[in-house]
Protein backbone atom coordinates (compact mmCIF):
# COMPACT_ATOMS: atom_id res chain seq x y z
CA MET A 1 -24.29 -31.54 -104.96
CA PHE A 2 -22.11 -28.44 -105.38
CA PHE A 3 -22.38 -27.52 -101.72
CA ARG A 4 -21.79 -31.12 -100.65
CA HIS A 5 -18.66 -31.60 -102.69
CA ASN A 6 -17.46 -28.01 -102.90
CA THR A 7 -13.67 -27.92 -103.04
CA CYS A 8 -13.27 -24.18 -103.65
CA SER A 9 -10.70 -22.74 -101.32
CA HIS A 10 -11.87 -20.19 -98.79
CA HIS A 11 -10.30 -16.78 -99.27
CA SER A 12 -10.63 -14.41 -96.34
CA ARG A 13 -10.93 -10.69 -96.92
CA ILE A 14 -8.22 -10.06 -94.32
CA ASP A 15 -5.67 -11.95 -96.46
CA VAL A 16 -5.50 -8.99 -98.82
CA LEU A 17 -3.81 -6.96 -96.09
CA PHE A 18 -0.77 -9.25 -96.01
CA GLU A 19 0.04 -8.48 -99.62
CA LYS A 20 1.11 -4.99 -98.50
CA THR A 21 4.80 -4.41 -97.88
CA ASP A 22 4.33 -1.65 -95.30
CA LEU A 23 1.50 -3.23 -93.28
CA GLN A 24 0.87 -1.63 -89.88
CA LEU A 25 -0.51 -3.54 -86.88
CA SER A 26 -3.21 -0.90 -86.42
CA GLU A 27 -4.57 -1.76 -89.90
CA VAL A 28 -4.87 -5.41 -88.91
CA LEU A 29 -6.55 -4.61 -85.59
CA GLU A 30 -9.07 -2.30 -87.24
CA HIS A 31 -10.19 -5.00 -89.67
CA VAL A 32 -13.76 -5.97 -88.82
CA GLU A 33 -13.07 -9.74 -88.96
CA VAL A 34 -9.71 -9.90 -87.18
CA ILE A 35 -10.91 -11.58 -83.96
CA GLN A 36 -12.98 -14.18 -85.79
CA GLU A 37 -10.11 -14.91 -88.16
CA VAL A 38 -7.76 -15.54 -85.24
CA LYS A 39 -10.30 -17.96 -83.75
CA ASN A 40 -10.56 -19.63 -87.16
CA ARG A 41 -6.76 -19.94 -87.13
CA ASN A 42 -6.18 -18.02 -90.35
CA LYS A 43 -2.64 -19.10 -91.26
CA HIS A 44 -1.58 -15.77 -92.78
CA LEU A 45 -2.85 -13.82 -89.77
CA LEU A 46 -1.24 -16.17 -87.23
CA LYS A 47 2.05 -16.09 -89.11
CA TYR A 48 1.96 -12.29 -88.97
CA LEU A 49 1.07 -12.16 -85.27
CA MET A 50 3.56 -14.81 -84.15
CA THR A 51 6.67 -12.69 -84.37
CA ASN A 52 8.41 -11.09 -81.43
CA GLU A 53 8.10 -7.61 -82.93
CA VAL A 54 4.33 -7.81 -83.53
CA LEU A 55 3.58 -9.47 -80.18
CA SER A 56 5.65 -6.85 -78.39
CA GLU A 57 3.74 -4.09 -80.21
CA LEU A 58 0.46 -5.83 -79.37
CA ILE A 59 1.39 -5.89 -75.68
CA GLY A 60 2.42 -2.24 -75.84
CA ILE A 61 -1.03 -1.29 -77.14
CA ILE A 62 -2.65 -3.11 -74.20
CA ILE A 63 -0.55 -1.61 -71.41
CA THR A 64 0.05 1.93 -72.72
CA GLU A 65 -2.35 4.75 -71.87
CA PRO A 66 -3.88 6.06 -75.14
CA SER A 67 -3.76 9.75 -75.91
CA GLU A 68 -6.41 11.79 -74.11
CA GLU A 69 -6.92 13.82 -77.27
CA LEU A 70 -8.79 10.88 -78.83
CA SER A 71 -12.54 10.53 -78.37
CA ASP A 72 -13.77 7.90 -75.90
CA ASP A 73 -15.22 5.64 -78.61
CA VAL A 74 -11.82 5.47 -80.37
CA ARG A 75 -9.38 5.80 -77.48
CA PHE A 76 -9.65 2.25 -76.12
CA LYS A 77 -10.73 0.48 -79.30
CA LEU A 78 -7.32 -0.92 -80.26
CA PRO A 79 -6.34 -1.96 -76.68
CA HIS A 80 -9.64 -3.82 -76.42
CA ILE A 81 -9.14 -5.67 -79.71
CA ALA A 82 -5.51 -6.47 -78.83
CA SER A 83 -6.55 -8.00 -75.50
CA GLU A 84 -9.28 -10.03 -77.22
CA LEU A 85 -6.72 -11.41 -79.68
CA LEU A 86 -4.45 -12.61 -76.88
CA ASN A 87 -7.50 -13.99 -75.09
CA CYS A 88 -8.44 -16.22 -78.05
CA ASP A 89 -6.41 -19.00 -76.41
CA ILE A 90 -4.21 -19.91 -79.38
CA PRO A 91 -1.63 -22.42 -78.03
CA GLU A 92 1.19 -21.18 -80.28
CA ILE A 93 0.75 -17.57 -79.15
CA ASN A 94 0.44 -18.60 -75.50
CA ASP A 95 3.63 -20.64 -75.74
CA MET A 96 5.52 -17.72 -77.25
CA LEU A 97 4.36 -15.38 -74.49
CA SER A 98 5.02 -17.75 -71.59
CA SER A 99 8.43 -18.92 -72.84
CA ASN A 100 9.79 -15.56 -74.00
CA THR A 101 11.10 -13.67 -70.97
CA ALA A 102 11.33 -10.36 -72.83
CA LEU A 103 7.66 -10.50 -73.86
CA LEU A 104 6.61 -11.52 -70.34
CA GLU A 105 8.64 -8.69 -68.84
CA HIS A 106 6.97 -6.24 -71.20
CA LEU A 107 3.46 -7.43 -70.29
CA TYR A 108 4.27 -7.66 -66.58
CA SER A 109 5.60 -4.09 -66.49
CA PHE A 110 1.99 -2.89 -66.37
CA ILE A 111 1.51 -3.85 -62.70
CA GLU A 112 4.93 -2.52 -61.76
CA GLN A 113 3.58 0.99 -62.31
CA ASP A 114 2.45 3.22 -59.48
CA SER A 115 -1.22 3.39 -58.49
CA PRO A 116 -3.81 4.10 -59.65
CA LEU A 117 -3.98 2.05 -62.82
CA ASN A 118 -6.43 2.82 -65.59
CA PRO A 119 -9.46 0.53 -64.90
CA LEU A 120 -10.05 -0.30 -68.58
CA LEU A 121 -6.40 -1.05 -69.31
CA SER A 122 -6.35 -3.15 -66.12
CA SER A 123 -9.21 -5.27 -67.45
CA PHE A 124 -7.40 -5.72 -70.77
CA PHE A 125 -4.19 -6.70 -68.96
CA SER A 126 -6.09 -9.12 -66.73
CA LYS A 127 -7.56 -10.87 -69.78
CA ALA A 128 -4.22 -11.17 -71.55
CA PHE A 129 -2.30 -12.25 -68.45
CA GLY A 130 -5.02 -14.55 -67.12
CA VAL A 131 -5.02 -16.73 -70.24
CA LEU A 132 -1.40 -17.70 -69.48
CA MET A 133 -2.48 -19.16 -66.13
CA LYS A 134 -4.68 -21.89 -67.57
CA ARG A 135 -4.18 -24.88 -69.80
CA SER A 136 -4.51 -24.03 -73.50
CA ASN A 137 -6.86 -25.87 -75.82
CA GLY A 138 -5.13 -28.87 -77.35
CA GLN A 139 -2.20 -28.68 -74.93
CA ASN A 140 -1.22 -32.11 -73.57
CA TRP A 141 -0.40 -32.71 -69.92
CA TYR A 142 3.36 -32.70 -70.37
CA GLU A 143 3.33 -29.42 -72.33
CA TYR A 144 1.06 -27.87 -69.70
CA GLN A 145 3.40 -28.92 -66.88
CA VAL A 146 6.47 -27.49 -68.63
CA SER A 147 4.84 -24.17 -69.53
CA SER A 148 3.36 -23.82 -66.01
CA ILE A 149 6.74 -24.37 -64.35
CA LYS A 150 8.34 -21.66 -66.52
CA PHE A 151 5.48 -19.22 -66.03
CA TYR A 152 5.17 -19.57 -62.25
CA HIS A 153 8.94 -19.48 -61.85
CA PHE A 154 8.82 -16.08 -63.55
CA LEU A 155 6.06 -14.91 -61.16
CA LYS A 156 8.01 -16.03 -58.10
CA GLU A 157 11.04 -14.06 -59.19
CA LYS A 158 8.97 -10.92 -59.80
CA ASN A 159 7.37 -10.66 -56.32
CA PHE A 160 4.02 -11.11 -58.04
CA ILE A 161 1.75 -11.10 -54.95
CA ASN A 162 2.98 -7.76 -53.64
CA HIS A 163 2.61 -6.17 -57.06
CA LEU A 164 -0.95 -7.45 -57.37
CA LEU A 165 -2.00 -6.35 -53.89
CA LYS A 166 -0.55 -2.90 -54.49
CA HIS A 167 -3.32 -2.41 -57.05
CA ILE A 168 -6.10 -4.30 -55.25
CA GLY A 169 -8.24 -1.17 -55.34
CA THR A 170 -8.67 -1.94 -59.05
CA SER A 171 -11.27 -4.72 -59.39
CA ALA A 172 -9.74 -6.30 -62.50
CA ILE A 173 -6.43 -6.83 -60.68
CA SER A 174 -8.07 -8.39 -57.63
CA ASP A 175 -9.92 -10.78 -59.98
CA LEU A 176 -6.52 -11.89 -61.27
CA VAL A 177 -5.72 -13.34 -57.83
CA ILE A 178 -8.87 -15.50 -58.08
CA LYS A 179 -7.76 -16.69 -61.53
CA LEU A 180 -4.39 -17.61 -60.08
CA ILE A 181 -6.08 -19.91 -57.54
CA THR A 182 -8.83 -21.40 -59.70
CA SER A 183 -7.24 -21.72 -63.16
CA ALA A 184 -4.50 -24.23 -62.36
CA GLU A 185 -5.28 -27.94 -62.76
CA GLU A 186 -4.55 -30.76 -60.34
CA GLY A 187 -0.87 -31.52 -59.96
CA VAL A 188 0.03 -27.88 -60.50
CA LYS A 189 -2.62 -26.38 -58.21
CA ILE A 190 -1.27 -27.70 -54.89
CA ASN A 191 2.19 -26.26 -55.60
CA ILE A 192 0.66 -22.87 -56.41
CA LEU A 193 -1.47 -22.91 -53.25
CA GLN A 194 1.54 -23.78 -51.10
CA TRP A 195 3.55 -20.99 -52.71
CA LEU A 196 0.72 -18.47 -52.12
CA ASP A 197 0.43 -19.56 -48.50
CA GLU A 198 4.20 -19.24 -48.02
CA GLN A 199 3.94 -15.72 -49.47
CA ASN A 200 1.40 -14.90 -46.72
CA LEU A 201 -1.34 -14.10 -49.23
CA VAL A 202 -4.16 -14.05 -46.63
CA GLY A 203 -2.20 -11.98 -44.11
CA SER A 204 -1.13 -9.49 -46.78
CA ILE A 205 -4.74 -8.98 -47.85
CA ILE A 206 -5.85 -8.43 -44.24
CA ASP A 207 -3.09 -5.85 -43.79
CA LEU A 208 -4.79 -3.77 -46.48
CA LEU A 209 -7.68 -3.13 -44.07
CA ASP A 210 -6.01 0.03 -42.85
CA PRO A 211 -7.81 3.35 -42.28
CA ALA A 212 -5.14 5.00 -44.44
CA ASN A 213 -6.40 3.06 -47.49
CA ASP A 214 -9.50 4.06 -49.41
CA LEU A 215 -12.94 2.44 -49.38
CA ASP A 216 -12.36 0.59 -52.68
CA THR A 217 -9.27 -1.09 -51.24
CA HIS A 218 -11.18 -2.21 -48.13
CA GLU A 219 -14.08 -3.51 -50.21
CA ASN A 220 -11.93 -5.33 -52.77
CA ALA A 221 -9.69 -6.84 -50.07
CA CYS A 222 -12.65 -8.39 -48.23
CA TYR A 223 -14.33 -9.39 -51.49
CA LEU A 224 -11.10 -11.15 -52.44
CA LEU A 225 -10.95 -12.99 -49.10
CA ILE A 226 -14.55 -14.17 -49.54
CA GLU A 227 -13.96 -15.29 -53.13
CA ILE A 228 -10.80 -17.17 -52.14
CA LEU A 229 -12.72 -18.79 -49.27
CA GLU A 230 -15.57 -19.98 -51.48
CA ALA A 231 -13.22 -21.20 -54.22
CA SER A 232 -11.08 -23.03 -51.65
CA LYS A 233 -14.12 -24.67 -50.02
CA GLU A 234 -15.34 -25.91 -53.37
CA ASN A 235 -11.87 -27.16 -54.25
CA GLN A 236 -11.50 -28.89 -50.86
CA SER A 237 -14.74 -30.81 -51.35
CA LYS A 238 -13.25 -32.40 -54.50
CA GLN A 239 -9.91 -33.57 -53.08
CA THR A 240 -8.42 -35.32 -50.06
CA THR A 241 -5.30 -33.19 -49.58
CA ILE A 242 -5.61 -30.19 -47.28
CA ASP A 243 -5.87 -26.82 -49.00
CA PRO A 244 -3.25 -24.65 -47.24
CA ILE A 245 -5.02 -21.38 -48.13
CA LEU A 246 -8.33 -22.65 -46.72
CA ALA A 247 -6.62 -23.86 -43.55
CA THR A 248 -5.08 -20.41 -43.06
CA LEU A 249 -8.35 -18.61 -43.74
CA GLU A 250 -10.26 -20.71 -41.21
CA SER A 251 -7.62 -20.50 -38.47
CA SER A 252 -8.11 -18.64 -35.20
CA TYR A 253 -4.99 -16.62 -36.05
CA THR A 254 -6.71 -15.18 -39.14
CA VAL A 255 -9.85 -14.39 -37.10
CA ASP A 256 -7.71 -12.57 -34.52
CA SER A 257 -5.90 -10.62 -37.25
CA LEU A 258 -9.21 -9.54 -38.77
CA LEU A 259 -10.59 -8.54 -35.36
CA LYS A 260 -7.57 -6.32 -34.69
CA ARG A 261 -8.22 -4.50 -37.96
CA ILE A 262 -12.00 -4.22 -37.49
CA LEU A 263 -11.93 -3.19 -33.83
CA GLY A 264 -8.92 -0.90 -34.00
CA SER A 265 -8.68 2.36 -32.11
CA GLU A 266 -9.87 4.31 -35.16
CA LYS A 267 -13.43 3.32 -36.06
CA CYS A 268 -13.58 2.98 -39.84
CA GLU A 269 -17.02 2.02 -41.14
CA SER A 270 -15.81 0.52 -44.43
CA ILE A 271 -13.38 -1.76 -42.55
CA ILE A 272 -16.07 -2.83 -40.07
CA ILE A 273 -18.83 -3.66 -42.54
CA ASN A 274 -16.53 -5.39 -45.03
CA GLY A 275 -14.65 -7.24 -42.28
CA VAL A 276 -17.93 -8.50 -40.80
CA SER A 277 -18.90 -9.79 -44.26
CA VAL A 278 -15.79 -12.01 -44.15
CA PHE A 279 -16.86 -13.41 -40.76
CA LEU A 280 -20.34 -14.11 -42.15
CA ALA A 281 -18.76 -16.01 -45.05
CA LEU A 282 -16.61 -18.02 -42.62
CA LEU A 283 -19.73 -18.94 -40.62
CA ASP A 284 -21.77 -19.76 -43.72
CA SER A 285 -22.89 -23.27 -44.69
CA PRO A 286 -19.75 -25.29 -45.50
CA TYR A 287 -18.96 -27.59 -48.38
CA GLY A 288 -17.82 -31.17 -48.11
CA ASP A 289 -17.45 -33.21 -44.94
CA TYR A 290 -19.85 -31.85 -42.30
CA LYS A 291 -17.98 -33.08 -39.25
CA THR A 292 -14.72 -31.41 -40.18
CA SER A 293 -16.51 -28.21 -41.18
CA LYS A 294 -18.47 -28.16 -37.91
CA GLU A 295 -15.25 -28.38 -35.92
CA VAL A 296 -13.74 -25.54 -37.93
CA ARG A 297 -16.89 -23.45 -37.41
CA GLU A 298 -16.68 -23.95 -33.65
CA THR A 299 -13.04 -22.81 -33.73
CA ILE A 300 -14.05 -19.63 -35.56
CA ILE A 301 -16.92 -18.97 -33.15
CA GLU A 302 -14.73 -19.45 -30.07
CA ALA A 303 -12.22 -16.99 -31.55
CA LEU A 304 -15.04 -14.45 -31.98
CA VAL A 305 -16.44 -14.76 -28.44
CA PRO A 306 -13.88 -12.41 -26.76
CA ALA A 307 -14.81 -9.70 -29.29
CA ILE A 308 -18.54 -9.67 -28.40
CA PRO A 309 -18.14 -6.79 -25.86
CA SER A 310 -16.42 -4.67 -28.53
CA PHE A 311 -19.12 -5.42 -31.10
CA THR A 312 -21.78 -4.60 -28.51
CA SER A 313 -20.14 -1.23 -27.88
CA LEU A 314 -20.39 -0.55 -31.63
CA LEU A 315 -24.17 -0.90 -31.33
CA LEU A 316 -24.16 1.90 -28.75
CA ASP A 317 -21.38 4.03 -30.21
CA PRO A 318 -20.92 3.41 -33.97
CA PRO A 319 -18.85 5.63 -36.26
CA SER A 320 -20.54 9.00 -36.50
CA LYS A 321 -23.06 9.51 -39.30
CA PRO A 322 -24.43 12.80 -40.65
CA THR A 323 -28.09 13.73 -40.18
CA LEU A 324 -30.25 11.87 -42.70
CA ARG A 325 -33.32 13.41 -44.29
CA THR A 326 -35.92 10.81 -45.32
CA THR A 327 -39.48 10.91 -46.66
CA ALA A 328 -40.66 10.23 -43.09
CA GLY A 329 -38.64 13.08 -41.60
CA VAL A 330 -35.15 13.82 -40.32
CA LEU A 331 -33.04 11.19 -38.54
CA GLU A 332 -30.62 12.96 -36.25
CA THR A 333 -28.79 9.67 -35.58
CA PRO A 334 -29.25 7.18 -38.46
CA LEU A 335 -28.89 3.47 -37.72
CA GLY A 336 -25.98 3.16 -40.15
CA ALA A 337 -24.38 0.21 -41.92
CA THR A 338 -22.08 -0.54 -38.97
CA ARG A 339 -24.86 -1.39 -36.53
CA LEU A 340 -26.74 -3.36 -39.17
CA SER A 341 -23.60 -5.41 -39.92
CA VAL A 342 -23.07 -6.11 -36.21
CA ALA A 343 -26.71 -7.23 -35.92
CA LYS A 344 -26.13 -9.68 -38.80
CA LEU A 345 -23.05 -11.06 -37.05
CA ILE A 346 -24.92 -11.50 -33.74
CA ALA A 347 -27.73 -13.33 -35.56
CA ALA A 348 -25.18 -15.63 -37.22
CA LEU A 349 -23.46 -16.37 -33.89
CA LEU A 350 -26.80 -17.23 -32.24
CA THR A 351 -27.41 -20.00 -34.79
CA SER A 352 -24.53 -21.94 -33.24
CA SER A 353 -26.21 -22.42 -29.81
CA ASN A 354 -22.70 -22.06 -28.41
CA MET A 355 -22.91 -21.64 -24.62
CA ASN A 356 -19.99 -19.20 -24.47
CA VAL A 357 -21.68 -17.02 -27.09
CA ASN A 358 -24.95 -17.09 -25.15
CA LEU A 359 -23.26 -16.23 -21.85
CA GLU A 360 -21.26 -13.38 -23.38
CA LEU A 361 -24.32 -11.91 -25.10
CA THR A 362 -26.27 -12.10 -21.84
CA LYS A 363 -23.43 -10.57 -19.84
CA ASN A 364 -23.14 -7.60 -22.23
CA LYS A 365 -26.93 -7.21 -22.66
CA THR A 366 -26.43 -7.32 -26.41
CA LEU A 367 -29.95 -8.54 -27.16
CA ASP A 368 -31.42 -5.85 -24.92
CA ILE A 369 -29.61 -3.21 -26.95
CA LEU A 370 -30.81 -4.75 -30.22
CA LEU A 371 -34.38 -4.66 -28.93
CA ASP A 372 -33.93 -1.01 -27.96
CA LEU A 373 -32.81 -0.30 -31.51
CA PHE A 374 -35.77 -2.34 -32.82
CA PHE A 375 -38.18 0.19 -31.28
CA LYS A 376 -36.01 3.23 -31.88
CA TYR A 377 -35.80 2.62 -35.64
CA SER A 378 -39.38 1.51 -36.16
CA LEU A 379 -39.28 1.82 -39.97
CA ASN A 380 -35.99 0.02 -40.58
CA ASN A 381 -37.08 -3.37 -41.90
CA PHE A 382 -33.49 -4.50 -42.46
CA LEU A 383 -32.81 -4.16 -38.74
CA HIS A 384 -36.16 -5.74 -37.86
CA TYR A 385 -35.30 -8.83 -39.88
CA GLN A 386 -32.00 -9.31 -38.04
CA VAL A 387 -33.62 -8.81 -34.61
CA VAL A 388 -36.37 -11.28 -35.54
CA THR A 389 -33.67 -13.78 -36.53
CA CYS A 390 -31.89 -13.26 -33.20
CA ILE A 391 -35.09 -13.79 -31.19
CA LEU A 392 -36.11 -16.92 -33.08
CA ASN A 393 -32.60 -18.31 -32.65
CA VAL A 394 -32.92 -17.75 -28.89
CA PHE A 395 -36.01 -19.98 -28.91
CA ASN A 396 -34.01 -22.67 -30.67
CA TRP A 397 -31.75 -23.14 -27.65
CA ASN A 398 -32.00 -26.27 -25.51
CA VAL A 399 -35.58 -26.91 -24.35
CA GLU A 400 -34.75 -26.90 -20.63
CA ASP A 401 -33.17 -23.43 -20.93
CA LYS A 402 -35.88 -21.77 -22.97
CA ALA A 403 -38.35 -20.71 -20.28
CA SER A 404 -35.77 -18.79 -18.26
CA LYS A 405 -34.23 -17.31 -21.40
CA VAL A 406 -37.63 -16.06 -22.58
CA PHE A 407 -38.28 -14.45 -19.20
CA ASP A 408 -34.85 -12.85 -18.98
CA LEU A 409 -35.04 -11.60 -22.55
CA PHE A 410 -38.43 -9.92 -22.43
CA SER A 411 -39.12 -8.96 -18.81
CA SER A 412 -36.75 -5.99 -18.93
CA HIS A 413 -38.63 -4.68 -21.97
CA ALA A 414 -42.18 -4.88 -20.59
CA ASN A 415 -42.23 -1.22 -19.54
CA MET A 416 -40.61 -0.15 -22.78
CA MET A 417 -43.37 -1.70 -24.88
CA PHE A 418 -46.05 0.29 -23.07
CA ASN A 419 -44.04 3.49 -22.68
CA SER A 420 -43.00 3.49 -26.32
CA PHE A 421 -46.09 5.53 -27.16
CA GLU A 422 -44.59 8.52 -25.34
CA GLU A 423 -42.59 10.74 -27.66
CA LYS A 424 -38.96 11.52 -26.86
CA GLU A 425 -38.74 8.61 -24.45
CA THR A 426 -35.17 7.72 -23.41
CA LEU A 427 -34.43 4.14 -24.44
CA PRO A 428 -33.37 1.58 -21.81
CA GLY A 429 -29.70 0.72 -22.07
CA THR A 430 -28.80 3.97 -23.86
CA ASP A 431 -28.64 7.67 -23.13
CA VAL A 432 -30.07 8.60 -26.53
CA GLU A 433 -33.61 9.85 -27.05
CA GLU A 434 -35.81 8.62 -29.88
CA ASP A 435 -35.42 10.69 -32.98
CA GLU A 436 -39.09 10.58 -33.96
CA VAL A 437 -40.70 13.07 -36.31
CA THR A 438 -42.60 15.47 -34.02
CA ASP A 439 -44.37 17.44 -36.73
CA ASN A 440 -46.63 14.51 -37.65
CA PRO A 441 -48.16 12.90 -34.50
CA LEU A 442 -50.30 10.50 -36.54
CA LEU A 443 -47.22 9.14 -38.33
CA VAL A 444 -45.48 8.68 -34.99
CA HIS A 445 -48.48 6.81 -33.59
CA VAL A 446 -48.79 4.55 -36.65
CA ARG A 447 -45.06 3.75 -36.59
CA LYS A 448 -45.21 2.67 -32.97
CA LEU A 449 -48.35 0.59 -33.47
CA TYR A 450 -46.68 -1.15 -36.41
CA CYS A 451 -43.53 -1.82 -34.40
CA LEU A 452 -45.45 -3.23 -31.41
CA GLN A 453 -47.58 -5.40 -33.66
CA ILE A 454 -44.50 -6.91 -35.30
CA PHE A 455 -42.89 -7.47 -31.91
CA PHE A 456 -45.91 -9.30 -30.45
CA ILE A 457 -46.15 -11.47 -33.57
CA ILE A 458 -42.53 -12.50 -32.99
CA ILE A 459 -43.28 -13.46 -29.38
CA ILE A 460 -46.38 -15.47 -30.39
CA LEU A 461 -44.47 -17.33 -33.10
CA ALA A 462 -41.57 -18.04 -30.78
CA LEU A 463 -43.82 -19.24 -27.94
CA HIS A 464 -45.69 -21.44 -30.41
CA GLY A 465 -42.36 -22.98 -31.41
CA LEU A 466 -41.47 -23.46 -27.73
CA SER A 467 -44.81 -25.16 -27.05
CA SER A 468 -44.44 -27.47 -30.06
CA CYS A 469 -40.91 -28.37 -29.04
CA GLY A 470 -42.06 -29.13 -25.50
CA LYS A 471 -44.82 -31.42 -26.75
CA SER A 472 -42.40 -33.28 -29.01
CA SER A 473 -39.98 -33.78 -26.14
CA ARG A 474 -42.77 -35.19 -23.93
CA CYS A 475 -43.86 -37.52 -26.73
CA MET A 476 -40.31 -38.70 -27.20
CA GLY A 477 -39.99 -39.18 -23.46
């Protein structure tokens, strides 16, 4: 009965701190229960935190680099706790931050700094700033609209996009762009998307694919494009209005801009492999209405067709790679991530059965070169999988075209299959000799037997599919 009708007031251990006249913020942050007490809405703690002086000091702890003299386990302790407090999503604190220009300016000053930013402080800033982008718990629609208008007006005046993209090499900052797109609710979201599109968000990210930038910038830029694409597709499937960011991403203009960066005069492997990953995401299974998505996919494919000769040349002449020592021996010319990425793109294009793609691949002998690489790198299963996918996609073309395609595809490689047992054989379509391991003839022999066996299995499976398809068509006829 005592526990059921207990009316004893709860007294938190943290309340004792507020009896001190010279209380320091660091003492509050170091209290073991401070985060839980904020979530429990301890009135003494919230009253203490909700003053301009304390909030400003709290922000300063988050955005200021701690002294390097401190040990690692202590150095970032207070910034972490401070960011967690602001991330507790307390409406009163959020309102104070979003409506007080001085506090916002103080917090925002973190991304106005020169690169590089401290990765840990960037994650703390991203947490604290990201919570202001979404609707607070218990906030009604009118309050949310008013606070959003004030907050995004501040961002527009501060040239927010350029400041974010300046630090895109820091993962936590690039994640903040995703929060900006996904956190807003309907009614506010479309205005934000239109503003981002007017600020040329997509084009600005593509411009970061410059050889002068580092690998992290290239990787994060393309990761950001892919994340925006997926978020926009999911958003588009839930609404009838056109998403302006998605429309820009899926336009032929964007494809052309990406191609110029990927196929520039200076071959940069990180730009190529990350740029190709964006194309693969654009060609991936769409959300929502299939007819509209199919039309968009065809537009993207047609924009890629003129670049097939350049991608084919990358298979023959990729960015240089150093000699690679493996357990099977030394590879003088490794396959490399560039050629593997191009093989993935070719396999994705072949799924479309687009006649212009097929003609361009035939004209440039792209599949011949892939088959040459198939035998040259007889232990590279990643490449084998992509070549297998390409071949099986060829057999999925129109039934009336298959017989001639099969003949054209494999007749030029008949001699290669039988001559592949000769060591140091020059590969058709290239002027490069096989980089086999000559000090172990048995290993060489086994590798080639394995490769030929896999290749013949592919042909048998493909011909079986062709035969089945032919029978079905006769039955239907």
